[in-house]
Amino acid sequence: MHKFGEVILAQIQYTDTFEVKRRPALVLFEEGGNVIVAGITSNLKMKGVPLHKKEGAFKDSVIKLNYIFTISEKMVERVLFTISKEKKEIVKKELMRRIN
């Protein structure tokens, strides 16, 4: 069972193509074998929540809260690390800001 705050490596299908690539993503929650995630990119020009190398990322990255999608738990290859409690709070606040 995957939990909020885990950064995973998973097979991700892009929305604008049939291509599937191995990419990192932040777990938001899991339910019924589906894992809801936010994409992570190393393109620092993208908007989102910064995720730094010192926090466990392979390189400085951005959690893209405008790129949320569902994957099967079978597409998850492994857990890379878990973000800090403070970073989880930042993600929650930013999600709520966008919802409101």
PDB file of N, CA and C in Angstrom:
ATOM      1  N   MET A   1       0.845  -1.179   0.000  1.00  0.00           N
ATOM      2  CA  MET A   1       0.000   0.000   0.000  1.00  0.00           C
ATOM      3  C   MET A   1       0.890   1.243   0.000  1.00  0.00           C
ATOM      4  N   HIS A   2       0.683   2.101  -0.972  1.00  0.00           N
ATOM      5  CA  HIS A   2       1.476   3.321  -1.082  1.00  0.00           C
ATOM      6  C   HIS A   2       0.805   4.447  -0.306  1.00  0.00           C
ATOM      7  N   LYS A   3       1.634   5.326   0.246  1.00  0.00           N
ATOM      8  CA  LYS A   3       1.140   6.381   1.117  1.00  0.00           C
ATOM      9  C   LYS A   3       1.548   7.749   0.608  1.00  0.00           C
ATOM     10  N   PHE A   4       0.755   8.745   1.010  1.00  0.00           N
ATOM     11  CA  PHE A   4       1.040  10.131   0.665  1.00  0.00           C
ATOM     12  C   PHE A   4       2.473  10.502   1.045  1.00  0.00           C
ATOM     13  N   GLY A   5       3.170  11.093   0.088  1.00  0.00           N
ATOM     14  CA  GLY A   5       4.524  11.557   0.338  1.00  0.00           C
ATOM     15  C   GLY A   5       5.613  10.673  -0.224  1.00  0.00           C
ATOM     16  N   GLU A   6       5.262   9.461  -0.650  1.00  0.00           N
ATOM     17  CA  GLU A   6       6.271   8.606  -1.266  1.00  0.00           C
ATOM     18  C   GLU A   6       6.581   9.107  -2.676  1.00  0.00           C
ATOM     19  N   VAL A   7       7.842   9.162  -2.992  1.00  0.00           N
ATOM     20  CA  VAL A   7       8.255   9.423  -4.368  1.00  0.00           C
ATOM     21  C   VAL A   7       8.575   8.063  -4.959  1.00  0.00           C
ATOM     22  N   ILE A   8       7.869   7.728  -6.025  1.00  0.00           N
ATOM     23  CA  ILE A   8       7.996   6.409  -6.640  1.00  0.00           C
ATOM     24  C   ILE A   8       8.595   6.520  -8.031  1.00  0.00           C
ATOM     25  N   LEU A   9       9.084   5.408  -8.524  1.00  0.00           N
ATOM     26  CA  LEU A   9       9.480   5.279  -9.917  1.00  0.00           C
ATOM     27  C   LEU A   9       8.433   4.380 -10.549  1.00  0.00           C
ATOM     28  N   ALA A  10       7.796   4.870 -11.611  1.00  0.00           N
ATOM     29  CA  ALA A  10       6.677   4.127 -12.194  1.00  0.00           C
ATOM     30  C   ALA A  10       6.660   4.265 -13.709  1.00  0.00           C
ATOM     31  N   GLN A  11       5.969   3.347 -14.333  1.00  0.00           N
ATOM     32  CA  GLN A  11       5.716   3.421 -15.770  1.00  0.00           C
ATOM     33  C   GLN A  11       4.531   4.373 -15.971  1.00  0.00           C
ATOM     34  N   ILE A  12       4.777   5.463 -16.668  1.00  0.00           N
ATOM     35  CA  ILE A  12       3.779   6.516 -16.843  1.00  0.00           C
ATOM     36  C   ILE A  12       3.433   6.642 -18.321  1.00  0.00           C
ATOM     37  N   GLN A  13       2.143   6.659 -18.632  1.00  0.00           N
ATOM     38  CA  GLN A  13       1.717   6.905 -20.009  1.00  0.00           C
ATOM     39  C   GLN A  13       1.374   8.373 -20.142  1.00  0.00           C
ATOM     40  N   TYR A  14       1.941   9.019 -21.126  1.00  0.00           N
ATOM     41  CA  TYR A  14       1.705  10.428 -21.354  1.00  0.00           C
ATOM     42  C   TYR A  14       0.323  10.646 -21.955  1.00  0.00           C
ATOM     43  N   THR A  15      -0.290  11.783 -21.627  1.00  0.00           N
ATOM     44  CA  THR A  15      -1.659  12.061 -22.071  1.00  0.00           C
ATOM     45  C   THR A  15      -1.735  12.391 -23.555  1.00  0.00           C
ATOM     46  N   ASP A  16      -0.662  12.927 -24.117  1.00  0.00           N
ATOM     47  CA  ASP A  16      -0.717  13.350 -25.515  1.00  0.00           C
ATOM     48  C   ASP A  16      -0.096  12.337 -26.480  1.00  0.00           C
ATOM     49  N   THR A  17       0.215  11.143 -25.987  1.00  0.00           N
ATOM     50  CA  THR A  17       0.820  10.116 -26.819  1.00  0.00           C
ATOM     51  C   THR A  17       0.555   8.746 -26.190  1.00  0.00           C
ATOM     52  N   PHE A  18       0.840   7.698 -26.902  1.00  0.00           N
ATOM     53  CA  PHE A  18       0.693   6.352 -26.352  1.00  0.00           C
ATOM     54  C   PHE A  18       1.982   5.876 -25.697  1.00  0.00           C
ATOM     55  N   GLU A  19       2.985   6.735 -25.693  1.00  0.00           N
ATOM     56  CA  GLU A  19       4.292   6.384 -25.164  1.00  0.00           C
ATOM     57  C   GLU A  19       4.243   6.194 -23.640  1.00  0.00           C
ATOM     58  N   VAL A  20       4.939   5.169 -23.163  1.00  0.00           N
ATOM     59  CA  VAL A  20       5.055   4.900 -21.737  1.00  0.00           C
ATOM     60  C   VAL A  20       6.523   5.019 -21.360  1.00  0.00           C
ATOM     61  N   LYS A  21       6.801   5.797 -20.300  1.00  0.00           N
ATOM     62  CA  LYS A  21       8.176   5.988 -19.855  1.00  0.00           C
ATOM     63  C   LYS A  21       8.278   5.788 -18.359  1.00  0.00           C
ATOM     64  N   ARG A  22       9.443   5.442 -17.915  1.00  0.00           N
ATOM     65  CA  ARG A  22       9.716   5.312 -16.486  1.00  0.00           C
ATOM     66  C   ARG A  22      10.014   6.712 -15.941  1.00  0.00           C
ATOM     67  N   ARG A  23       9.201   7.148 -14.977  1.00  0.00           N
ATOM     68  CA  ARG A  23       9.319   8.492 -14.432  1.00  0.00           C
ATOM     69  C   ARG A  23       9.047   8.499 -12.934  1.00  0.00           C
ATOM     70  N   PRO A  24       9.604   9.489 -12.229  1.00  0.00           N
ATOM     71  CA  PRO A  24       9.271   9.647 -10.811  1.00  0.00           C
ATOM     72  C   PRO A  24       7.927  10.345 -10.666  1.00  0.00           C
ATOM     73  N   ALA A  25       7.251  10.074  -9.566  1.00  0.00           N
ATOM     74  CA  ALA A  25       5.974  10.708  -9.269  1.00  0.00           C
ATOM     75  C   ALA A  25       5.767  10.720  -7.760  1.00  0.00           C
ATOM     76  N   LEU A  26       4.970  11.660  -7.288  1.00  0.00           N
ATOM     77  CA  LEU A  26       4.646  11.760  -5.870  1.00  0.00           C
ATOM     78  C   LEU A  26       3.295  11.113  -5.621  1.00  0.00           C
ATOM     79  N   VAL A  27       3.236  10.165  -4.698  1.00  0.00           N
ATOM     80  CA  VAL A  27       1.980   9.511  -4.350  1.00  0.00           C
ATOM     81  C   VAL A  27       1.124  10.485  -3.547  1.00  0.00           C
ATOM     82  N   LEU A  28      -0.128  10.662  -3.990  1.00  0.00           N
ATOM     83  CA  LEU A  28      -1.096  11.453  -3.238  1.00  0.00           C
ATOM     84  C   LEU A  28      -1.948  10.525  -2.385  1.00  0.00           C
ATOM     85  N   PHE A  29      -2.437   9.432  -2.989  1.00  0.00           N
ATOM     86  CA  PHE A  29      -3.104   8.377  -2.228  1.00  0.00           C
ATOM     87  C   PHE A  29      -3.280   7.154  -3.108  1.00  0.00           C
ATOM     88  N   GLU A  30      -3.628   6.032  -2.454  1.00  0.00           N
ATOM     89  CA  GLU A  30      -3.905   4.786  -3.169  1.00  0.00           C
ATOM     90  C   GLU A  30      -5.247   4.260  -2.704  1.00  0.00           C
ATOM     91  N   GLU A  31      -6.010   3.772  -3.651  1.00  0.00           N
ATOM     92  CA  GLU A  31      -7.315   3.203  -3.312  1.00  0.00           C
ATOM     93  C   GLU A  31      -7.699   2.175  -4.362  1.00  0.00           C
ATOM     94  N   GLY A  32      -8.064   0.995  -3.916  1.00  0.00           N
ATOM     95  CA  GLY A  32      -8.549  -0.035  -4.824  1.00  0.00           C
ATOM     96  C   GLY A  32      -7.571  -0.432  -5.910  1.00  0.00           C
ATOM     97  N   GLY A  33      -6.283  -0.442  -5.598  1.00  0.00           N
ATOM     98  CA  GLY A  33      -5.289  -0.831  -6.598  1.00  0.00           C
ATOM     99  C   GLY A  33      -4.887   0.287  -7.538  1.00  0.00           C
ATOM    100  N   ASN A  34      -5.484   1.461  -7.375  1.00  0.00           N
ATOM    101  CA  ASN A  34      -5.129   2.634  -8.169  1.00  0.00           C
ATOM    102  C   ASN A  34      -4.298   3.582  -7.317  1.00  0.00           C
ATOM    103  N   VAL A  35      -3.248   4.122  -7.913  1.00  0.00           N
ATOM    104  CA  VAL A  35      -2.381   5.063  -7.211  1.00  0.00           C
ATOM    105  C   VAL A  35      -2.533   6.411  -7.900  1.00  0.00           C
ATOM    106  N   ILE A  36      -2.942   7.419  -7.120  1.00  0.00           N
ATOM    107  CA  ILE A  36      -3.111   8.769  -7.647  1.00  0.00           C
ATOM    108  C   ILE A  36      -1.820   9.517  -7.342  1.00  0.00           C
ATOM    109  N   VAL A  37      -1.205  10.049  -8.395  1.00  0.00           N
ATOM    110  CA  VAL A  37       0.118  10.650  -8.275  1.00  0.00           C
ATOM    111  C   VAL A  37       0.175  12.018  -8.947  1.00  0.00           C
ATOM    112  N   ALA A  38       1.189  12.778  -8.544  1.00  0.00           N
ATOM    113  CA  ALA A  38       1.531  14.030  -9.221  1.00  0.00           C
ATOM    114  C   ALA A  38       2.884  13.805  -9.893  1.00  0.00           C
ATOM    115  N   GLY A  39       2.974  14.226 -11.131  1.00  0.00           N
ATOM    116  CA  GLY A  39       4.212  14.053 -11.876  1.00  0.00           C
ATOM    117  C   GLY A  39       5.346  14.888 -11.310  1.00  0.00           C
ATOM    118  N   ILE A  40       6.558  14.434 -11.535  1.00  0.00           N
ATOM    119  CA  ILE A  40       7.759  15.154 -11.117  1.00  0.00           C
ATOM    120  C   ILE A  40       8.629  15.344 -12.355  1.00  0.00           C
ATOM    121  N   THR A  41       9.158  16.550 -12.504  1.00  0.00           N
ATOM    122  CA  THR A  41      10.019  16.855 -13.640  1.00  0.00           C
ATOM    123  C   THR A  41      11.308  17.505 -13.162  1.00  0.00           C
ATOM    124  N   SER A  42      12.370  17.319 -13.927  1.00  0.00           N
ATOM    125  CA  SER A  42      13.622  18.007 -13.625  1.00  0.00           C
ATOM    126  C   SER A  42      13.714  19.327 -14.391  1.00  0.00           C
ATOM    127  N   ASN A  43      12.665  19.661 -15.140  1.00  0.00           N
ATOM    128  CA  ASN A  43      12.596  20.939 -15.848  1.00  0.00           C
ATOM    129  C   ASN A  43      12.217  22.015 -14.829  1.00  0.00           C
ATOM    130  N   LEU A  44      13.194  22.749 -14.353  1.00  0.00           N
ATOM    131  CA  LEU A  44      12.981  23.728 -13.291  1.00  0.00           C
ATOM    132  C   LEU A  44      12.194  24.951 -13.744  1.00  0.00           C
ATOM    133  N   LYS A  45      11.909  25.056 -15.031  1.00  0.00           N
ATOM    134  CA  LYS A  45      11.087  26.164 -15.533  1.00  0.00           C
ATOM    135  C   LYS A  45       9.605  25.897 -15.307  1.00  0.00           C
ATOM    136  N   MET A  46       9.259  24.652 -15.008  1.00  0.00           N
ATOM    137  CA  MET A  46       7.856  24.276 -14.772  1.00  0.00           C
ATOM    138  C   MET A  46       7.415  24.810 -13.415  1.00  0.00           C
ATOM    139  N   LYS A  47       6.103  25.078 -13.302  1.00  0.00           N
ATOM    140  CA  LYS A  47       5.545  25.540 -12.036  1.00  0.00           C
ATOM    141  C   LYS A  47       5.198  24.354 -11.161  1.00  0.00           C
ATOM    142  N   GLY A  48       5.324  24.547  -9.850  1.00  0.00           N
ATOM    143  CA  GLY A  48       4.987  23.498  -8.906  1.00  0.00           C
ATOM    144  C   GLY A  48       5.772  23.658  -7.622  1.00  0.00           C
ATOM    145  N   VAL A  49       5.844  22.591  -6.869  1.00  0.00           N
ATOM    146  CA  VAL A  49       6.549  22.591  -5.588  1.00  0.00           C
ATOM    147  C   VAL A  49       7.974  22.103  -5.819  1.00  0.00           C
ATOM    148  N   PRO A  50       8.967  22.925  -5.454  1.00  0.00           N
ATOM    149  CA  PRO A  50      10.358  22.505  -5.645  1.00  0.00           C
ATOM    150  C   PRO A  50      10.695  21.267  -4.819  1.00  0.00           C
ATOM    151  N   LEU A  51      11.518  20.407  -5.392  1.00  0.00           N
ATOM    152  CA  LEU A  51      11.999  19.207  -4.723  1.00  0.00           C
ATOM    153  C   LEU A  51      13.502  19.146  -4.987  1.00  0.00           C
ATOM    154  N   HIS A  52      14.291  19.289  -3.930  1.00  0.00           N
ATOM    155  CA  HIS A  52      15.733  19.435  -4.092  1.00  0.00           C
ATOM    156  C   HIS A  52      16.484  18.124  -3.907  1.00  0.00           C
ATOM    157  N   LYS A  53      17.669  18.097  -4.472  1.00  0.00           N
ATOM    158  CA  LYS A  53      18.543  16.941  -4.372  1.00  0.00           C
ATOM    159  C   LYS A  53      18.813  16.584  -2.908  1.00  0.00           C
ATOM    160  N   LYS A  54      18.976  17.595  -2.071  1.00  0.00           N
ATOM    161  CA  LYS A  54      19.261  17.352  -0.652  1.00  0.00           C
ATOM    162  C   LYS A  54      18.080  16.699   0.069  1.00  0.00           C
ATOM    163  N   GLU A  55      16.893  16.724  -0.565  1.00  0.00           N
ATOM    164  CA  GLU A  55      15.701  16.090   0.014  1.00  0.00           C
ATOM    165  C   GLU A  55      15.559  14.634  -0.418  1.00  0.00           C
ATOM    166  N   GLY A  56      16.432  14.198  -1.325  1.00  0.00           N
ATOM    167  CA  GLY A  56      16.391  12.812  -1.773  1.00  0.00           C
ATOM    168  C   GLY A  56      16.235  12.644  -3.273  1.00  0.00           C
ATOM    169  N   ALA A  57      15.898  13.725  -3.978  1.00  0.00           N
ATOM    170  CA  ALA A  57      15.732  13.648  -5.433  1.00  0.00           C
ATOM    171  C   ALA A  57      17.093  13.402  -6.094  1.00  0.00           C
ATOM    172  N   PHE A  58      17.083  12.739  -7.243  1.00  0.00           N
ATOM    173  CA  PHE A  58      18.329  12.496  -7.971  1.00  0.00           C
ATOM    174  C   PHE A  58      18.926  13.794  -8.480  1.00  0.00           C
ATOM    175  N   LYS A  59      18.044  14.746  -8.812  1.00  0.00           N
ATOM    176  CA  LYS A  59      18.459  16.089  -9.212  1.00  0.00           C
ATOM    177  C   LYS A  59      17.356  17.042  -8.805  1.00  0.00           C
ATOM    178  N   ASP A  60      17.672  18.322  -8.717  1.00  0.00           N
ATOM    179  CA  ASP A  60      16.650  19.308  -8.376  1.00  0.00           C
ATOM    180  C   ASP A  60      15.489  19.167  -9.350  1.00  0.00           C
ATOM    181  N   SER A  61      14.275  19.174  -8.809  1.00  0.00           N
ATOM    182  CA  SER A  61      13.081  18.874  -9.601  1.00  0.00           C
ATOM    183  C   SER A  61      11.907  19.727  -9.146  1.00  0.00           C
ATOM    184  N   VAL A  62      10.770  19.492  -9.785  1.00  0.00           N
ATOM    185  CA  VAL A  62       9.523  20.184  -9.459  1.00  0.00           C
ATOM    186  C   VAL A  62       8.394  19.157  -9.417  1.00  0.00           C
ATOM    187  N   ILE A  63       7.610  19.195  -8.336  1.00  0.00           N
ATOM    188  CA  ILE A  63       6.396  18.375  -8.247  1.00  0.00           C
ATOM    189  C   ILE A  63       5.311  19.150  -8.972  1.00  0.00           C
ATOM    190  N   LYS A  64       4.801  18.597 -10.067  1.00  0.00           N
ATOM    191  CA  LYS A  64       3.827  19.292 -10.916  1.00  0.00           C
ATOM    192  C   LYS A  64       2.401  18.985 -10.445  1.00  0.00           C
ATOM    193  N   LEU A  65       1.843  19.880  -9.663  1.00  0.00           N
ATOM    194  CA  LEU A  65       0.498  19.662  -9.140  1.00  0.00           C
ATOM    195  C   LEU A  65      -0.582  19.910 -10.191  1.00  0.00           C
ATOM    196  N   ASN A  66      -0.199  20.361 -11.360  1.00  0.00           N
ATOM    197  CA  ASN A  66      -1.148  20.483 -12.465  1.00  0.00           C
ATOM    198  C   ASN A  66      -1.113  19.241 -13.361  1.00  0.00           C
ATOM    199  N   TYR A  67      -0.377  18.222 -12.934  1.00  0.00           N
ATOM    200  CA  TYR A  67      -0.249  16.976 -13.701  1.00  0.00           C
ATOM    201  C   TYR A  67      -0.509  15.808 -12.757  1.00  0.00           C
ATOM    202  N   ILE A  68      -1.794  15.628 -12.424  1.00  0.00           N
ATOM    203  CA  ILE A  68      -2.227  14.577 -11.514  1.00  0.00           C
ATOM    204  C   ILE A  68      -2.929  13.503 -12.330  1.00  0.00           C
ATOM    205  N   PHE A  69      -2.587  12.248 -12.060  1.00  0.00           N
ATOM    206  CA  PHE A  69      -3.176  11.160 -12.833  1.00  0.00           C
ATOM    207  C   PHE A  69      -3.212   9.886 -12.007  1.00  0.00           C
ATOM    208  N   THR A  70      -3.889   8.892 -12.523  1.00  0.00           N
ATOM    209  CA  THR A  70      -4.046   7.602 -11.854  1.00  0.00           C
ATOM    210  C   THR A  70      -3.284   6.534 -12.611  1.00  0.00           C
ATOM    211  N   ILE A  71      -2.545   5.723 -11.849  1.00  0.00           N
ATOM    212  CA  ILE A  71      -1.860   4.577 -12.440  1.00  0.00           C
ATOM    213  C   ILE A  71      -2.227   3.332 -11.639  1.00  0.00           C
ATOM    214  N   SER A  72      -2.076   2.193 -12.244  1.00  0.00           N
ATOM    215  CA  SER A  72      -2.265   0.932 -11.538  1.00  0.00           C
ATOM    216  C   SER A  72      -1.081   0.709 -10.609  1.00  0.00           C
ATOM    217  N   GLU A  73      -1.331   0.100  -9.459  1.00  0.00           N
ATOM    218  CA  GLU A  73      -0.229  -0.207  -8.541  1.00  0.00           C
ATOM    219  C   GLU A  73       0.801  -1.122  -9.214  1.00  0.00           C
ATOM    220  N   LYS A  74       0.381  -1.850 -10.245  1.00  0.00           N
ATOM    221  CA  LYS A  74       1.292  -2.733 -10.974  1.00  0.00           C
ATOM    222  C   LYS A  74       2.328  -1.951 -11.780  1.00  0.00           C
ATOM    223  N   MET A  75       2.058  -0.661 -12.029  1.00  0.00           N
ATOM    224  CA  MET A  75       2.980   0.176 -12.793  1.00  0.00           C
ATOM    225  C   MET A  75       4.083   0.775 -11.918  1.00  0.00           C
ATOM    226  N   VAL A  76       3.961   0.626 -10.605  1.00  0.00           N
ATOM    227  CA  VAL A  76       4.963   1.146  -9.678  1.00  0.00           C
ATOM    228  C   VAL A  76       6.132   0.169  -9.615  1.00  0.00           C
ATOM    229  N   GLU A  77       7.308   0.648  -9.934  1.00  0.00           N
ATOM    230  CA  GLU A  77       8.504  -0.201  -9.888  1.00  0.00           C
ATOM    231  C   GLU A  77       9.101  -0.244  -8.490  1.00  0.00           C
ATOM    232  N   ARG A  78       9.207   0.931  -7.845  1.00  0.00           N
ATOM    233  CA  ARG A  78       9.757   0.969  -6.494  1.00  0.00           C
ATOM    234  C   ARG A  78       9.563   2.339  -5.870  1.00  0.00           C
ATOM    235  N   VAL A  79       9.719   2.370  -4.551  1.00  0.00           N
ATOM    236  CA  VAL A  79       9.692   3.627  -3.807  1.00  0.00           C
ATOM    237  C   VAL A  79      11.122   4.143  -3.755  1.00  0.00           C
ATOM    238  N   LEU A  80      11.301   5.415  -4.111  1.00  0.00           N
ATOM    239  CA  LEU A  80      12.630   6.017  -4.104  1.00  0.00           C
ATOM    240  C   LEU A  80      12.955   6.629  -2.740  1.00  0.00           C
ATOM    241  N   PHE A  81      12.025   7.406  -2.199  1.00  0.00           N
ATOM    242  CA  PHE A  81      12.177   8.024  -0.889  1.00  0.00           C
ATOM    243  C   PHE A  81      10.841   8.638  -0.492  1.00  0.00           C
ATOM    244  N   THR A  82      10.754   9.149   0.713  1.00  0.00           N
ATOM    245  CA  THR A  82       9.548   9.826   1.196  1.00  0.00           C
ATOM    246  C   THR A  82       9.908  11.265   1.524  1.00  0.00           C
ATOM    247  N   ILE A  83       9.070  12.196   1.078  1.00  0.00           N
ATOM    248  CA  ILE A  83       9.332  13.604   1.360  1.00  0.00           C
ATOM    249  C   ILE A  83       9.098  13.889   2.849  1.00  0.00           C
ATOM    250  N   SER A  84       9.651  14.978   3.314  1.00  0.00           N
ATOM    251  CA  SER A  84       9.555  15.355   4.728  1.00  0.00           C
ATOM    252  C   SER A  84       8.128  15.776   5.094  1.00  0.00           C
ATOM    253  N   LYS A  85       7.865  15.785   6.381  1.00  0.00           N
ATOM    254  CA  LYS A  85       6.575  16.238   6.895  1.00  0.00           C
ATOM    255  C   LYS A  85       6.308  17.676   6.457  1.00  0.00           C
ATOM    256  N   GLU A  86       7.334  18.501   6.487  1.00  0.00           N
ATOM    257  CA  GLU A  86       7.193  19.905   6.083  1.00  0.00           C
ATOM    258  C   GLU A  86       6.835  20.015   4.592  1.00  0.00           C
ATOM    259  N   LYS A  87       7.473  19.207   3.767  1.00  0.00           N
ATOM    260  CA  LYS A  87       7.185  19.243   2.322  1.00  0.00           C
ATOM    261  C   LYS A  87       5.782  18.717   2.047  1.00  0.00           C
ATOM    262  N   LYS A  88       5.340  17.712   2.815  1.00  0.00           N
ATOM    263  CA  LYS A  88       3.970  17.212   2.674  1.00  0.00           C
ATOM    264  C   LYS A  88       2.971  18.328   2.946  1.00  0.00           C
ATOM    265  N   GLU A  89       3.227  19.137   3.963  1.00  0.00           N
ATOM    266  CA  GLU A  89       2.333  20.244   4.303  1.00  0.00           C
ATOM    267  C   GLU A  89       2.302  21.275   3.181  1.00  0.00           C
ATOM    268  N   ILE A  90       3.452  21.551   2.578  1.00  0.00           N
ATOM    269  CA  ILE A  90       3.509  22.491   1.453  1.00  0.00           C
ATOM    270  C   ILE A  90       2.674  21.966   0.287  1.00  0.00           C
ATOM    271  N   VAL A  91       2.805  20.670  -0.005  1.00  0.00           N
ATOM    272  CA  VAL A  91       2.035  20.065  -1.095  1.00  0.00           C
ATOM    273  C   VAL A  91       0.540  20.152  -0.794  1.00  0.00           C
ATOM    274  N   LYS A  92       0.128  19.824   0.426  1.00  0.00           N
ATOM    275  CA  LYS A  92      -1.294  19.896   0.802  1.00  0.00           C
ATOM    276  C   LYS A  92      -1.834  21.308   0.651  1.00  0.00           C
ATOM    277  N   LYS A  93      -1.088  22.277   1.158  1.00  0.00           N
ATOM    278  CA  LYS A  93      -1.536  23.676   1.078  1.00  0.00           C
ATOM    279  C   LYS A  93      -1.661  24.138  -0.375  1.00  0.00           C
ATOM    280  N   GLU A  94      -0.688  23.763  -1.195  1.00  0.00           N
ATOM    281  CA  GLU A  94      -0.731  24.167  -2.593  1.00  0.00           C
ATOM    282  C   GLU A  94      -1.889  23.493  -3.340  1.00  0.00           C
ATOM    283  N   LEU A  95      -2.149  22.229  -3.033  1.00  0.00           N
ATOM    284  CA  LEU A  95      -3.298  21.560  -3.652  1.00  0.00           C
ATOM    285  C   LEU A  95      -4.604  22.245  -3.256  1.00  0.00           C
ATOM    286  N   MET A  96      -4.734  22.555  -1.969  1.00  0.00           N
ATOM    287  CA  MET A  96      -5.957  23.220  -1.495  1.00  0.00           C
ATOM    288  C   MET A  96      -6.104  24.602  -2.117  1.00  0.00           C
ATOM    289  N   ARG A  97      -5.013  25.333  -2.271  1.00  0.00           N
ATOM    290  CA  ARG A  97      -5.061  26.653  -2.900  1.00  0.00           C
ATOM    291  C   ARG A  97      -5.593  26.538  -4.326  1.00  0.00           C
ATOM    292  N   ARG A  98      -5.150  25.527  -5.016  1.00  0.00           N
ATOM    293  CA  ARG A  98      -5.573  25.349  -6.414  1.00  0.00           C
ATOM    294  C   ARG A  98      -7.032  24.881  -6.512  1.00  0.00           C
ATOM    295  N   ILE A  99      -7.461  24.087  -5.541  1.00  0.00           N
ATOM    296  CA  ILE A  99      -8.846  23.626  -5.547  1.00  0.00           C
ATOM    297  C   ILE A  99      -9.809  24.770  -5.265  1.00  0.00           C
ATOM    298  N   ASN A 100      -9.415  25.597  -4.321  1.00  0.00           N
ATOM    299  CA  ASN A 100     -10.270  26.742  -3.959  1.00  0.00           C
ATOM    300  C   ASN A 100     -10.128  27.811  -4.989  1.00  0.00           C
TER     301      ASN A 100
END
